[in-house]
C-alpha atoms as a PDB file:
ATOM      1  CA  MET A   1     -43.939  22.202  18.193  1.00  0.00           C
ATOM      2  CA  SER A   2     -40.828  24.697  18.229  1.00  0.00           C
ATOM      3  CA  ASN A   3     -41.005  28.006  20.068  1.00  0.00           C
ATOM      4  CA  PRO A   4     -42.373  30.477  18.280  1.00  0.00           C
ATOM      5  CA  ALA A   5     -40.683  33.229  20.083  1.00  0.00           C
ATOM      6  CA  LEU A   6     -37.369  32.370  18.503  1.00  0.00           C
ATOM      7  CA  ALA A   7     -36.080  34.443  15.827  1.00  0.00           C
ATOM      8  CA  GLU A   8     -36.244  33.127  12.179  1.00  0.00           C
ATOM      9  CA  ASP A   9     -32.404  32.922  11.598  1.00  0.00           C
ATOM     10  CA  VAL A  10     -32.018  30.968  15.120  1.00  0.00           C
ATOM     11  CA  ARG A  11     -34.685  28.578  14.508  1.00  0.00           C
ATOM     12  CA  ALA A  12     -33.498  28.233  10.885  1.00  0.00           C
ATOM     13  CA  SER A  13     -29.956  27.322  12.065  1.00  0.00           C
ATOM     14  CA  LEU A  14     -31.338  24.957  14.829  1.00  0.00           C
ATOM     15  CA  VAL A  15     -33.102  23.042  12.320  1.00  0.00           C
ATOM     16  CA  ALA A  16     -29.891  22.906  10.130  1.00  0.00           C
ATOM     17  CA  GLU A  17     -28.118  21.241  13.178  1.00  0.00           C
ATOM     18  CA  LEU A  18     -31.092  19.107  13.859  1.00  0.00           C
ATOM     19  CA  MET A  19     -31.005  17.795  10.317  1.00  0.00           C
ATOM     20  CA  SER A  20     -27.436  17.268  10.456  1.00  0.00           C
ATOM     21  CA  ALA A  21     -27.786  15.417  13.429  1.00  0.00           C
ATOM     22  CA  ARG A  22     -30.396  13.094  12.311  1.00  0.00           C
ATOM     23  CA  ARG A  23     -28.162  12.368   9.456  1.00  0.00           C
ATOM     24  CA  ALA A  24     -25.267  11.399  11.557  1.00  0.00           C
ATOM     25  CA  VAL A  25     -27.321   9.101  13.487  1.00  0.00           C
ATOM     26  CA  ARG A  26     -28.436   7.582  10.224  1.00  0.00           C
ATOM     27  CA  ASP A  27     -24.592   7.469   8.961  1.00  0.00           C
ATOM     28  CA  ALA A  28     -23.055   5.966  12.521  1.00  0.00           C
ATOM     29  CA  GLY A  29     -24.281   2.770  11.351  1.00  0.00           C
ATOM     30  CA  ASN A  30     -22.963   0.006  14.162  1.00  0.00           C
ATOM     31  CA  ASP A  31     -20.455   2.357  16.075  1.00  0.00           C
ATOM     32  CA  PRO A  32     -22.269   3.004  19.393  1.00  0.00           C
ATOM     33  CA  TYR A  33     -20.114   5.966  20.066  1.00  0.00           C
ATOM     34  CA  ALA A  34     -20.724   7.911  17.016  1.00  0.00           C
ATOM     35  CA  LYS A  35     -24.587   7.014  17.454  1.00  0.00           C
ATOM     36  CA  GLU A  36     -24.261   8.119  20.939  1.00  0.00           C
ATOM     37  CA  ASP A  37     -22.785  11.507  20.172  1.00  0.00           C
ATOM     38  CA  ALA A  38     -25.265  12.114  17.335  1.00  0.00           C
ATOM     39  CA  ARG A  39     -28.411  11.396  19.478  1.00  0.00           C
ATOM     40  CA  GLY A  40     -26.932  13.833  21.819  1.00  0.00           C
ATOM     41  CA  ARG A  41     -26.793  16.448  18.906  1.00  0.00           C
ATOM     42  CA  VAL A  42     -30.309  15.695  18.120  1.00  0.00           C
ATOM     43  CA  ASP A  43     -31.308  16.084  21.861  1.00  0.00           C
ATOM     44  CA  THR A  44     -29.453  19.514  22.077  1.00  0.00           C
ATOM     45  CA  ALA A  45     -30.976  20.637  18.882  1.00  0.00           C
ATOM     46  CA  LYS A  46     -34.492  19.724  20.088  1.00  0.00           C
ATOM     47  CA  VAL A  47     -34.074  20.952  23.613  1.00  0.00           C
ATOM     48  CA  ALA A  48     -32.999  24.410  21.970  1.00  0.00           C
ATOM     49  CA  LEU A  49     -36.195  24.286  19.453  1.00  0.00           C
ATOM     50  CA  GLY A  50     -38.396  23.824  22.422  1.00  0.00           C
ATOM     51  CA  GLU A  51     -39.424  20.647  21.290  1.00  0.00           C
ATOM     52  CA  ARG A  52     -37.884  18.889  24.469  1.00  0.00           C
ATOM     53  CA  GLY A  53     -37.130  19.914  27.702  1.00  0.00           C
ATOM     54  CA  PRO A  54     -39.047  22.743  29.568  1.00  0.00           C
ATOM     55  CA  VAL A  55     -42.026  24.140  28.231  1.00  0.00           C
ATOM     56  CA  TRP A  56     -41.892  27.492  26.586  1.00  0.00           C
ATOM     57  CA  TRP A  57     -45.142  28.842  27.182  1.00  0.00           C
ATOM     58  CA  THR A  58     -46.359  30.690  30.115  1.00  0.00           C
ATOM     59  CA  ASP A  59     -49.862  30.129  30.516  1.00  0.00           C
ATOM     60  CA  GLY A  60     -49.620  27.266  32.909  1.00  0.00           C
ATOM     61  CA  ALA A  61     -51.218  24.681  30.197  1.00  0.00           C
ATOM     62  CA  PRO A  62     -49.600  21.159  30.771  1.00  0.00           C
ATOM     63  CA  ASP A  63     -47.431  19.685  28.327  1.00  0.00           C
ATOM     64  CA  TYR A  64     -49.087  16.959  26.187  1.00  0.00           C
ATOM     65  CA  ASN A  65     -46.369  16.812  23.489  1.00  0.00           C
ATOM     66  CA  ARG A  66     -44.956  13.367  24.393  1.00  0.00           C
ATOM     67  CA  TYR A  67     -48.592  11.641  25.154  1.00  0.00           C
ATOM     68  CA  LEU A  68     -50.838  10.030  22.594  1.00  0.00           C
ATOM     69  CA  ALA A  69     -53.809  12.022  21.848  1.00  0.00           C
ATOM     70  CA  LYS A  70     -55.994   9.078  23.222  1.00  0.00           C
ATOM     71  CA  ASN A  71     -54.248   9.726  26.421  1.00  0.00           C
ATOM     72  CA  THR A  72     -54.867  13.501  26.639  1.00  0.00           C
ATOM     73  CA  PRO A  73     -57.797  15.722  27.463  1.00  0.00           C
ATOM     74  CA  TYR A  74     -58.148  15.801  23.487  1.00  0.00           C
ATOM     75  CA  ALA A  75     -59.033  12.335  23.321  1.00  0.00           C
ATOM     76  CA  ASP A  76     -62.580  12.773  22.162  1.00  0.00           C
ATOM     77  CA  TRP A  77     -61.595  15.383  19.861  1.00  0.00           C
ATOM     78  CA  TYR A  78     -59.040  13.254  18.151  1.00  0.00           C
ATOM     79  CA  ALA A  79     -61.581  10.185  18.050  1.00  0.00           C
ATOM     80  CA  GLY A  80     -63.689  12.144  16.026  1.00  0.00           C
ATOM     81  CA  LEU A  81     -61.213  13.105  13.466  1.00  0.00           C
ATOM     82  CA  ASP A  82     -61.505  11.072   9.967  1.00  0.00           C
ATOM     83  CA  GLY A  83     -58.823   9.477   8.666  1.00  0.00           C
END
């Protein structure tokens, strides 16, 4: 989840950069240097969006973004979902 405090124009610019970087990863093929550079761009954009790196919320809640739902306090809720 992106940081909702980002201005819409900033968020849109960062999303555009993220998509460009993802295309660069795809297009890098077997070039390890191009792929490394593109992956760095993806990471930079994701950190700027608040999807990676330090948490952007201030209520003290833990960060469960990179956990499987079944391995969090939301496990029972997740298990009860249809689908």
